[in-house]
Amino acid sequence: MVEDVFSSKGRVKILRLFVEIGELNISEIARRAGLNYATANQHLGILESAGLVLHKSFGRIRIYRLNESNPHARAVKVLIESWGTADRRKVK
């Protein structure tokens, strides 16, 4: 399962967006990750089936976020946050 999640740059970009920004709708996720809508939707389906993300619906609009109650999602968040900290230290 971990290979399925991390085997795609698009999925990693989406996870990073959730860690950095929080909740986003699918159009905004696609735009910020540099993906088309269909690809973003497919990646979100995989991440949701892995339990890493959740969505809530407001009519036709779906808002996605990291599933903070999932221990794997929390581990991904720590990894992304620590990686970002290491990258910032390198720049200084």
Protein backbone atom coordinates (compact mmCIF):
# COMPACT_ATOMS: atom_id res chain seq x y z
CA MET A 1 0.00 0.00 0.00
CA VAL A 2 2.80 2.45 0.84
CA GLU A 3 4.23 1.88 -2.65
CA ASP A 4 0.89 2.79 -4.20
CA VAL A 5 0.74 6.07 -2.30
CA PHE A 6 4.33 7.23 -2.81
CA SER A 7 4.85 5.86 -6.32
CA SER A 8 3.30 8.97 -7.84
CA LYS A 9 4.74 12.47 -7.80
CA GLY A 10 1.18 13.78 -8.18
CA ARG A 11 0.01 12.07 -4.99
CA VAL A 12 3.02 13.36 -3.07
CA LYS A 13 2.31 16.90 -4.34
CA ILE A 14 -1.30 16.58 -3.20
CA LEU A 15 -0.28 15.37 0.25
CA ARG A 16 2.17 18.26 0.55
CA LEU A 17 -0.64 20.70 -0.32
CA PHE A 18 -2.78 19.33 2.49
CA VAL A 19 0.07 19.65 4.98
CA GLU A 20 0.93 23.20 3.88
CA ILE A 21 -2.55 24.60 3.20
CA GLY A 22 -5.19 22.36 4.78
CA GLU A 23 -8.52 21.99 3.00
CA LEU A 24 -8.92 22.48 -0.73
CA ASN A 25 -11.47 21.72 -3.40
CA ILE A 26 -10.50 19.44 -6.23
CA SER A 27 -10.12 22.23 -8.80
CA GLU A 28 -7.71 24.10 -6.54
CA ILE A 29 -5.80 20.90 -5.78
CA ALA A 30 -5.43 20.20 -9.50
CA ARG A 31 -4.30 23.76 -10.24
CA ARG A 32 -1.76 23.97 -7.42
CA ALA A 33 -0.37 20.48 -8.07
CA GLY A 34 -0.10 21.10 -11.82
CA LEU A 35 -2.49 18.26 -12.67
CA ASN A 36 -5.62 18.07 -14.75
CA TYR A 37 -8.94 17.57 -12.98
CA ALA A 38 -9.33 13.89 -13.93
CA THR A 39 -5.81 12.98 -12.77
CA ALA A 40 -6.25 14.86 -9.49
CA ASN A 41 -9.57 13.11 -8.95
CA GLN A 42 -7.95 9.71 -9.57
CA HIS A 43 -5.10 10.45 -7.13
CA LEU A 44 -7.56 11.66 -4.50
CA GLY A 45 -9.52 8.42 -4.86
CA ILE A 46 -6.37 6.40 -4.19
CA LEU A 47 -5.41 8.56 -1.21
CA GLU A 48 -8.94 8.34 0.16
CA SER A 49 -9.07 4.56 -0.21
CA ALA A 50 -5.75 4.41 1.69
CA GLY A 51 -7.42 6.40 4.48
CA LEU A 52 -5.02 9.35 4.14
CA VAL A 53 -7.56 11.95 3.03
CA LEU A 54 -11.20 12.72 3.72
CA HIS A 55 -13.72 14.80 1.85
CA LYS A 56 -16.91 16.61 2.67
CA SER A 57 -19.47 17.56 0.06
CA PHE A 58 -21.37 20.78 -0.37
CA GLY A 59 -23.66 19.99 -3.27
CA ARG A 60 -21.36 19.22 -6.20
CA ILE A 61 -18.29 20.69 -4.48
CA ARG A 62 -15.99 18.33 -2.59
CA ILE A 63 -13.51 19.71 -0.09
CA TYR A 64 -10.56 17.43 0.71
CA ARG A 65 -8.20 17.42 3.67
CA LEU A 66 -5.66 15.17 5.36
CA ASN A 67 -7.26 12.57 7.64
CA GLU A 68 -5.62 13.61 10.92
CA SER A 69 -7.24 10.69 12.76
CA ASN A 70 -5.31 8.16 10.63
CA PRO A 71 -1.87 7.29 12.08
CA HIS A 72 -0.40 6.87 8.59
CA ALA A 73 -1.64 10.32 7.56
CA ARG A 74 -0.11 11.81 10.71
CA ALA A 75 3.19 10.07 9.89
CA VAL A 76 3.07 11.47 6.34
CA LYS A 77 2.44 14.94 7.78
CA VAL A 78 5.46 14.65 10.11
CA LEU A 79 7.61 13.42 7.22
CA ILE A 80 6.59 16.28 4.92
CA GLU A 81 6.98 18.87 7.67
CA SER A 82 10.42 17.57 8.68
CA TRP A 83 11.54 17.38 5.06
CA GLY A 84 10.49 21.00 4.59
CA THR A 85 12.41 22.02 7.71
CA ALA A 86 15.52 20.28 6.42
CA ASP A 87 15.15 22.01 3.03
CA ARG A 88 14.85 25.43 4.70
CA ARG A 89 17.98 24.79 6.79
CA LYS A 90 19.90 23.87 3.64
CA VAL A 91 19.03 27.21 1.98
CA LYS A 92 20.42 29.33 4.85
